[in-house]
Amino acid sequence: MPVVLIKRTTTCKLYVSLPEAPAGEDWLSGDIVFFDDLRNCGIVNSRPDFYHAGTTIGIARAGFNPLWRPKVVGLRRIVVP
């Protein structure tokens, strides 16, 4: 499986350049989820959780709980050739 390195500060560029995940399709491991008006993004681990980079704690795993769910702006899929 290829490794894709993504800087935490490039959320806006990723949002406009990556294809949108098909509506109604299950979220896949590796999809990128965008939050907070594109100020933060994370990588989906599975439907109930994702990884994100925090400025104080570094890489953390979080769930799509009532704190994060309303902040979701969109979901994009990395296309691997």
PDB file of N, CA and C in Angstrom:
ATOM      1  N   MET A   1       0.850  -1.173   0.000  1.00  0.00           N
ATOM      2  CA  MET A   1       0.000   0.000   0.000  1.00  0.00           C
ATOM      3  C   MET A   1       0.897   1.238   0.000  1.00  0.00           C
ATOM      4  N   PRO A   2       0.632   2.200  -0.890  1.00  0.00           N
ATOM      5  CA  PRO A   2       1.452   3.409  -0.947  1.00  0.00           C
ATOM      6  C   PRO A   2       1.230   4.308   0.259  1.00  0.00           C
ATOM      7  N   VAL A   3       2.246   5.051   0.606  1.00  0.00           N
ATOM      8  CA  VAL A   3       2.178   6.003   1.709  1.00  0.00           C
ATOM      9  C   VAL A   3       2.005   7.402   1.126  1.00  0.00           C
ATOM     10  N   VAL A   4       1.043   8.148   1.655  1.00  0.00           N
ATOM     11  CA  VAL A   4       0.796   9.520   1.217  1.00  0.00           C
ATOM     12  C   VAL A   4       1.022  10.428   2.412  1.00  0.00           C
ATOM     13  N   LEU A   5       1.958  11.354   2.300  1.00  0.00           N
ATOM     14  CA  LEU A   5       2.238  12.300   3.380  1.00  0.00           C
ATOM     15  C   LEU A   5       1.440  13.577   3.132  1.00  0.00           C
ATOM     16  N   ILE A   6       0.721  14.023   4.161  1.00  0.00           N
ATOM     17  CA  ILE A   6      -0.121  15.209   4.052  1.00  0.00           C
ATOM     18  C   ILE A   6       0.207  16.151   5.201  1.00  0.00           C
ATOM     19  N   LYS A   7       0.554  17.388   4.879  1.00  0.00           N
ATOM     20  CA  LYS A   7       0.812  18.371   5.919  1.00  0.00           C
ATOM     21  C   LYS A   7      -0.501  18.825   6.534  1.00  0.00           C
ATOM     22  N   ARG A   8      -0.484  19.021   7.828  1.00  0.00           N
ATOM     23  CA  ARG A   8      -1.685  19.428   8.555  1.00  0.00           C
ATOM     24  C   ARG A   8      -2.220  20.775   8.076  1.00  0.00           C
ATOM     25  N   THR A   9      -1.367  21.626   7.535  1.00  0.00           N
ATOM     26  CA  THR A   9      -1.761  22.988   7.177  1.00  0.00           C
ATOM     27  C   THR A   9      -2.252  23.138   5.740  1.00  0.00           C
ATOM     28  N   THR A  10      -2.460  22.055   5.017  1.00  0.00           N
ATOM     29  CA  THR A  10      -2.851  22.159   3.611  1.00  0.00           C
ATOM     30  C   THR A  10      -4.308  21.766   3.366  1.00  0.00           C
ATOM     31  N   THR A  11      -5.159  21.936   4.335  1.00  0.00           N
ATOM     32  CA  THR A  11      -6.533  21.450   4.213  1.00  0.00           C
ATOM     33  C   THR A  11      -7.297  22.089   3.058  1.00  0.00           C
ATOM     34  N   CYS A  12      -7.191  23.375   2.852  1.00  0.00           N
ATOM     35  CA  CYS A  12      -7.946  24.033   1.776  1.00  0.00           C
ATOM     36  C   CYS A  12      -7.518  23.510   0.412  1.00  0.00           C
ATOM     37  N   LYS A  13      -6.218  23.347   0.212  1.00  0.00           N
ATOM     38  CA  LYS A  13      -5.721  22.839  -1.069  1.00  0.00           C
ATOM     39  C   LYS A  13      -6.218  21.423  -1.318  1.00  0.00           C
ATOM     40  N   LEU A  14      -6.206  20.590  -0.306  1.00  0.00           N
ATOM     41  CA  LEU A  14      -6.689  19.222  -0.460  1.00  0.00           C
ATOM     42  C   LEU A  14      -8.173  19.190  -0.774  1.00  0.00           C
ATOM     43  N   TYR A  15      -8.933  20.009  -0.097  1.00  0.00           N
ATOM     44  CA  TYR A  15     -10.386  20.006  -0.258  1.00  0.00           C
ATOM     45  C   TYR A  15     -10.787  20.313  -1.703  1.00  0.00           C
ATOM     46  N   VAL A  16     -10.118  21.267  -2.321  1.00  0.00           N
ATOM     47  CA  VAL A  16     -10.488  21.637  -3.688  1.00  0.00           C
ATOM     48  C   VAL A  16      -9.838  20.739  -4.732  1.00  0.00           C
ATOM     49  N   SER A  17      -8.768  20.038  -4.412  1.00  0.00           N
ATOM     50  CA  SER A  17      -8.061  19.253  -5.421  1.00  0.00           C
ATOM     51  C   SER A  17      -8.434  17.770  -5.441  1.00  0.00           C
ATOM     52  N   LEU A  18      -8.939  17.240  -4.344  1.00  0.00           N
ATOM     53  CA  LEU A  18      -9.286  15.817  -4.297  1.00  0.00           C
ATOM     54  C   LEU A  18     -10.736  15.594  -4.691  1.00  0.00           C
ATOM     55  N   PRO A  19     -11.034  14.433  -5.295  1.00  0.00           N
ATOM     56  CA  PRO A  19     -12.426  14.150  -5.652  1.00  0.00           C
ATOM     57  C   PRO A  19     -13.281  13.889  -4.415  1.00  0.00           C
ATOM     58  N   GLU A  20     -14.526  14.305  -4.491  1.00  0.00           N
ATOM     59  CA  GLU A  20     -15.457  14.078  -3.392  1.00  0.00           C
ATOM     60  C   GLU A  20     -15.794  12.586  -3.307  1.00  0.00           C
ATOM     61  N   ALA A  21     -15.898  12.083  -2.094  1.00  0.00           N
ATOM     62  CA  ALA A  21     -16.315  10.690  -1.909  1.00  0.00           C
ATOM     63  C   ALA A  21     -17.767  10.572  -2.373  1.00  0.00           C
ATOM     64  N   PRO A  22     -18.109   9.509  -3.083  1.00  0.00           N
ATOM     65  CA  PRO A  22     -19.475   9.368  -3.587  1.00  0.00           C
ATOM     66  C   PRO A  22     -20.526   9.431  -2.471  1.00  0.00           C
ATOM     67  N   ALA A  23     -21.571  10.205  -2.701  1.00  0.00           N
ATOM     68  CA  ALA A  23     -22.650  10.353  -1.714  1.00  0.00           C
ATOM     69  C   ALA A  23     -23.320   9.003  -1.482  1.00  0.00           C
ATOM     70  N   GLY A  24     -23.615   8.733  -0.233  1.00  0.00           N
ATOM     71  CA  GLY A  24     -24.294   7.502   0.120  1.00  0.00           C
ATOM     72  C   GLY A  24     -23.383   6.292   0.254  1.00  0.00           C
ATOM     73  N   GLU A  25     -22.137   6.436  -0.137  1.00  0.00           N
ATOM     74  CA  GLU A  25     -21.192   5.327  -0.029  1.00  0.00           C
ATOM     75  C   GLU A  25     -20.554   5.335   1.353  1.00  0.00           C
ATOM     76  N   ASP A  26     -20.235   4.166   1.878  1.00  0.00           N
ATOM     77  CA  ASP A  26     -19.574   4.089   3.181  1.00  0.00           C
ATOM     78  C   ASP A  26     -18.226   4.795   3.144  1.00  0.00           C
ATOM     79  N   TRP A  27     -17.874   5.408   4.258  1.00  0.00           N
ATOM     80  CA  TRP A  27     -16.562   6.026   4.372  1.00  0.00           C
ATOM     81  C   TRP A  27     -15.532   4.917   4.420  1.00  0.00           C
ATOM     82  N   LEU A  28     -14.436   5.111   3.704  1.00  0.00           N
ATOM     83  CA  LEU A  28     -13.393   4.101   3.649  1.00  0.00           C
ATOM     84  C   LEU A  28     -12.194   4.515   4.479  1.00  0.00           C
ATOM     85  N   SER A  29     -11.478   3.537   4.971  1.00  0.00           N
ATOM     86  CA  SER A  29     -10.237   3.813   5.668  1.00  0.00           C
ATOM     87  C   SER A  29      -9.311   4.540   4.696  1.00  0.00           C
ATOM     88  N   GLY A  30      -8.765   5.667   5.121  1.00  0.00           N
ATOM     89  CA  GLY A  30      -7.904   6.473   4.258  1.00  0.00           C
ATOM     90  C   GLY A  30      -8.585   7.685   3.670  1.00  0.00           C
ATOM     91  N   ASP A  31      -9.921   7.756   3.708  1.00  0.00           N
ATOM     92  CA  ASP A  31     -10.618   8.956   3.256  1.00  0.00           C
ATOM     93  C   ASP A  31     -10.218  10.123   4.153  1.00  0.00           C
ATOM     94  N   ILE A  32     -10.242  11.317   3.603  1.00  0.00           N
ATOM     95  CA  ILE A  32      -9.903  12.498   4.389  1.00  0.00           C
ATOM     96  C   ILE A  32     -11.185  13.239   4.728  1.00  0.00           C
ATOM     97  N   VAL A  33     -11.377  13.486   6.013  1.00  0.00           N
ATOM     98  CA  VAL A  33     -12.557  14.186   6.491  1.00  0.00           C
ATOM     99  C   VAL A  33     -12.121  15.595   6.913  1.00  0.00           C
ATOM    100  N   PHE A  34     -12.917  16.588   6.531  1.00  0.00           N
ATOM    101  CA  PHE A  34     -12.590  17.990   6.785  1.00  0.00           C
ATOM    102  C   PHE A  34     -13.552  18.574   7.815  1.00  0.00           C
ATOM    103  N   PHE A  35     -12.992  19.400   8.710  1.00  0.00           N
ATOM    104  CA  PHE A  35     -13.745  19.983   9.819  1.00  0.00           C
ATOM    105  C   PHE A  35     -13.574  21.492   9.879  1.00  0.00           C
ATOM    106  N   ASP A  36     -14.418  22.122  10.670  1.00  0.00           N
ATOM    107  CA  ASP A  36     -14.249  23.512  11.114  1.00  0.00           C
ATOM    108  C   ASP A  36     -13.951  24.491   9.986  1.00  0.00           C
ATOM    109  N   ASP A  37     -14.804  24.536   8.978  1.00  0.00           N
ATOM    110  CA  ASP A  37     -14.596  25.471   7.866  1.00  0.00           C
ATOM    111  C   ASP A  37     -13.204  25.329   7.261  1.00  0.00           C
ATOM    112  N   LEU A  38     -12.769  24.075   7.115  1.00  0.00           N
ATOM    113  CA  LEU A  38     -11.486  23.702   6.495  1.00  0.00           C
ATOM    114  C   LEU A  38     -10.265  24.122   7.306  1.00  0.00           C
ATOM    115  N   ARG A  39     -10.405  24.276   8.603  1.00  0.00           N
ATOM    116  CA  ARG A  39      -9.247  24.593   9.437  1.00  0.00           C
ATOM    117  C   ARG A  39      -8.592  23.337   9.989  1.00  0.00           C
ATOM    118  N   ASN A  40      -9.214  22.184   9.818  1.00  0.00           N
ATOM    119  CA  ASN A  40      -8.683  20.944  10.374  1.00  0.00           C
ATOM    120  C   ASN A  40      -9.141  19.788   9.488  1.00  0.00           C
ATOM    121  N   CYS A  41      -8.331  18.755   9.426  1.00  0.00           N
ATOM    122  CA  CYS A  41      -8.733  17.562   8.692  1.00  0.00           C
ATOM    123  C   CYS A  41      -8.201  16.333   9.411  1.00  0.00           C
ATOM    124  N   GLY A  42      -8.739  15.196   9.061  1.00  0.00           N
ATOM    125  CA  GLY A  42      -8.309  13.941   9.652  1.00  0.00           C
ATOM    126  C   GLY A  42      -8.397  12.835   8.627  1.00  0.00           C
ATOM    127  N   ILE A  43      -7.841  11.696   8.949  1.00  0.00           N
ATOM    128  CA  ILE A  43      -7.871  10.536   8.072  1.00  0.00           C
ATOM    129  C   ILE A  43      -8.762   9.483   8.715  1.00  0.00           C
ATOM    130  N   VAL A  44      -9.751   9.043   7.977  1.00  0.00           N
ATOM    131  CA  VAL A  44     -10.704   8.062   8.492  1.00  0.00           C
ATOM    132  C   VAL A  44      -9.991   6.739   8.738  1.00  0.00           C
ATOM    133  N   ASN A  45     -10.178   6.200   9.932  1.00  0.00           N
ATOM    134  CA  ASN A  45      -9.667   4.874  10.261  1.00  0.00           C
ATOM    135  C   ASN A  45     -10.741   3.850   9.944  1.00  0.00           C
ATOM    136  N   SER A  46     -11.933   4.110  10.398  1.00  0.00           N
ATOM    137  CA  SER A  46     -13.120   3.319  10.119  1.00  0.00           C
ATOM    138  C   SER A  46     -14.302   4.256  10.343  1.00  0.00           C
ATOM    139  N   ARG A  47     -15.492   3.812  10.124  1.00  0.00           N
ATOM    140  CA  ARG A  47     -16.647   4.707  10.271  1.00  0.00           C
ATOM    141  C   ARG A  47     -16.728   5.333  11.671  1.00  0.00           C
ATOM    142  N   PRO A  48     -16.424   4.604  12.738  1.00  0.00           N
ATOM    143  CA  PRO A  48     -16.578   5.267  14.030  1.00  0.00           C
ATOM    144  C   PRO A  48     -15.396   6.143  14.470  1.00  0.00           C
ATOM    145  N   ASP A  49     -14.253   6.076  13.801  1.00  0.00           N
ATOM    146  CA  ASP A  49     -13.152   6.920  14.279  1.00  0.00           C
ATOM    147  C   ASP A  49     -12.205   7.371  13.171  1.00  0.00           C
ATOM    148  N   PHE A  50     -11.345   8.346  13.537  1.00  0.00           N
ATOM    149  CA  PHE A  50     -10.407   8.946  12.589  1.00  0.00           C
ATOM    150  C   PHE A  50      -9.169   9.418  13.359  1.00  0.00           C
ATOM    151  N   TYR A  51      -8.114   9.712  12.616  1.00  0.00           N
ATOM    152  CA  TYR A  51      -6.889  10.267  13.184  1.00  0.00           C
ATOM    153  C   TYR A  51      -6.759  11.712  12.743  1.00  0.00           C
ATOM    154  N   HIS A  52      -6.249  12.549  13.628  1.00  0.00           N
ATOM    155  CA  HIS A  52      -6.005  13.950  13.279  1.00  0.00           C
ATOM    156  C   HIS A  52      -4.774  14.439  14.018  1.00  0.00           C
ATOM    157  N   ALA A  53      -4.198  15.531  13.512  1.00  0.00           N
ATOM    158  CA  ALA A  53      -3.006  16.108  14.129  1.00  0.00           C
ATOM    159  C   ALA A  53      -3.415  17.331  14.936  1.00  0.00           C
ATOM    160  N   GLY A  54      -3.183  17.264  16.223  1.00  0.00           N
ATOM    161  CA  GLY A  54      -3.469  18.404  17.084  1.00  0.00           C
ATOM    162  C   GLY A  54      -2.209  19.233  17.291  1.00  0.00           C
ATOM    163  N   THR A  55      -2.373  20.502  17.533  1.00  0.00           N
ATOM    164  CA  THR A  55      -1.206  21.364  17.719  1.00  0.00           C
ATOM    165  C   THR A  55      -0.532  21.137  19.062  1.00  0.00           C
ATOM    166  N   THR A  56      -1.254  20.633  20.051  1.00  0.00           N
ATOM    167  CA  THR A  56      -0.648  20.431  21.367  1.00  0.00           C
ATOM    168  C   THR A  56      -0.342  18.976  21.684  1.00  0.00           C
ATOM    169  N   ILE A  57      -1.170  18.038  21.176  1.00  0.00           N
ATOM    170  CA  ILE A  57      -0.956  16.640  21.548  1.00  0.00           C
ATOM    171  C   ILE A  57      -0.403  15.782  20.423  1.00  0.00           C
ATOM    172  N   GLY A  58      -0.240  16.334  19.237  1.00  0.00           N
ATOM    173  CA  GLY A  58       0.264  15.561  18.109  1.00  0.00           C
ATOM    174  C   GLY A  58      -0.835  14.700  17.510  1.00  0.00           C
ATOM    175  N   ILE A  59      -0.461  13.528  17.002  1.00  0.00           N
ATOM    176  CA  ILE A  59      -1.422  12.637  16.359  1.00  0.00           C
ATOM    177  C   ILE A  59      -2.312  11.992  17.410  1.00  0.00           C
ATOM    178  N   ALA A  60      -3.622  12.044  17.174  1.00  0.00           N
ATOM    179  CA  ALA A  60      -4.581  11.472  18.126  1.00  0.00           C
ATOM    180  C   ALA A  60      -5.696  10.773  17.362  1.00  0.00           C
ATOM    181  N   ARG A  61      -6.263   9.765  17.984  1.00  0.00           N
ATOM    182  CA  ARG A  61      -7.430   9.088  17.416  1.00  0.00           C
ATOM    183  C   ARG A  61      -8.666   9.617  18.130  1.00  0.00           C
ATOM    184  N   ALA A  62      -9.692   9.915  17.368  1.00  0.00           N
ATOM    185  CA  ALA A  62     -10.934  10.433  17.937  1.00  0.00           C
ATOM    186  C   ALA A  62     -12.107   9.740  17.260  1.00  0.00           C
ATOM    187  N   GLY A  63     -13.233   9.797  17.901  1.00  0.00           N
ATOM    188  CA  GLY A  63     -14.445   9.212  17.337  1.00  0.00           C
ATOM    189  C   GLY A  63     -15.346  10.267  16.745  1.00  0.00           C
ATOM    190  N   PHE A  64     -16.211   9.850  15.833  1.00  0.00           N
ATOM    191  CA  PHE A  64     -17.204  10.759  15.274  1.00  0.00           C
ATOM    192  C   PHE A  64     -18.350  10.880  16.278  1.00  0.00           C
ATOM    193  N   ASN A  65     -18.050  11.516  17.392  1.00  0.00           N
ATOM    194  CA  ASN A  65     -19.000  11.660  18.494  1.00  0.00           C
ATOM    195  C   ASN A  65     -19.735  13.000  18.373  1.00  0.00           C
ATOM    196  N   PRO A  66     -20.587  13.339  19.315  1.00  0.00           N
ATOM    197  CA  PRO A  66     -21.322  14.609  19.238  1.00  0.00           C
ATOM    198  C   PRO A  66     -20.421  15.849  19.189  1.00  0.00           C
ATOM    199  N   LEU A  67     -19.173  15.756  19.616  1.00  0.00           N
ATOM    200  CA  LEU A  67     -18.257  16.895  19.516  1.00  0.00           C
ATOM    201  C   LEU A  67     -17.809  17.106  18.072  1.00  0.00           C
ATOM    202  N   TRP A  68     -17.388  16.043  17.383  1.00  0.00           N
ATOM    203  CA  TRP A  68     -16.810  16.149  16.049  1.00  0.00           C
ATOM    204  C   TRP A  68     -17.843  16.108  14.926  1.00  0.00           C
ATOM    205  N   ARG A  69     -18.883  15.336  15.072  1.00  0.00           N
ATOM    206  CA  ARG A  69     -19.834  15.111  13.975  1.00  0.00           C
ATOM    207  C   ARG A  69     -20.413  16.408  13.397  1.00  0.00           C
ATOM    208  N   PRO A  70     -20.846  17.369  14.213  1.00  0.00           N
ATOM    209  CA  PRO A  70     -21.405  18.600  13.637  1.00  0.00           C
ATOM    210  C   PRO A  70     -20.363  19.477  12.941  1.00  0.00           C
ATOM    211  N   LYS A  71     -19.091  19.226  13.179  1.00  0.00           N
ATOM    212  CA  LYS A  71     -18.028  20.037  12.584  1.00  0.00           C
ATOM    213  C   LYS A  71     -17.603  19.546  11.201  1.00  0.00           C
ATOM    214  N   VAL A  72     -18.110  18.393  10.760  1.00  0.00           N
ATOM    215  CA  VAL A  72     -17.713  17.830   9.470  1.00  0.00           C
ATOM    216  C   VAL A  72     -18.206  18.735   8.337  1.00  0.00           C
ATOM    217  N   VAL A  73     -17.270  19.130   7.459  1.00  0.00           N
ATOM    218  CA  VAL A  73     -17.572  19.975   6.311  1.00  0.00           C
ATOM    219  C   VAL A  73     -17.699  19.121   5.049  1.00  0.00           C
ATOM    220  N   GLY A  74     -16.858  18.106   4.922  1.00  0.00           N
ATOM    221  CA  GLY A  74     -16.891  17.276   3.729  1.00  0.00           C
ATOM    222  C   GLY A  74     -15.934  16.108   3.839  1.00  0.00           C
ATOM    223  N   LEU A  75     -15.995  15.258   2.838  1.00  0.00           N
ATOM    224  CA  LEU A  75     -15.166  14.057   2.799  1.00  0.00           C
ATOM    225  C   LEU A  75     -14.586  13.933   1.405  1.00  0.00           C
ATOM    226  N   ARG A  76     -13.305  13.684   1.330  1.00  0.00           N
ATOM    227  CA  ARG A  76     -12.617  13.516   0.049  1.00  0.00           C
ATOM    228  C   ARG A  76     -11.886  12.197   0.035  1.00  0.00           C
ATOM    229  N   ARG A  77     -11.679  11.693  -1.164  1.00  0.00           N
ATOM    230  CA  ARG A  77     -11.020  10.402  -1.331  1.00  0.00           C
ATOM    231  C   ARG A  77      -9.719  10.589  -2.089  1.00  0.00           C
ATOM    232  N   ILE A  78      -8.652   9.995  -1.578  1.00  0.00           N
ATOM    233  CA  ILE A  78      -7.367  10.026  -2.280  1.00  0.00           C
ATOM    234  C   ILE A  78      -7.398   8.942  -3.351  1.00  0.00           C
ATOM    235  N   VAL A  79      -7.128   9.339  -4.568  1.00  0.00           N
ATOM    236  CA  VAL A  79      -7.111   8.394  -5.675  1.00  0.00           C
ATOM    237  C   VAL A  79      -5.692   7.856  -5.821  1.00  0.00           C
ATOM    238  N   VAL A  80      -5.558   6.548  -5.666  1.00  0.00           N
ATOM    239  CA  VAL A  80      -4.249   5.919  -5.797  1.00  0.00           C
ATOM    240  C   VAL A  80      -4.221   5.163  -7.114  1.00  0.00           C
ATOM    241  N   PRO A  81      -3.254   5.516  -7.978  1.00  0.00           N
ATOM    242  CA  PRO A  81      -3.195   4.856  -9.307  1.00  0.00           C
ATOM    243  C   PRO A  81      -2.869   3.379  -9.197  1.00  0.00           C
TER     244      PRO A  81
END
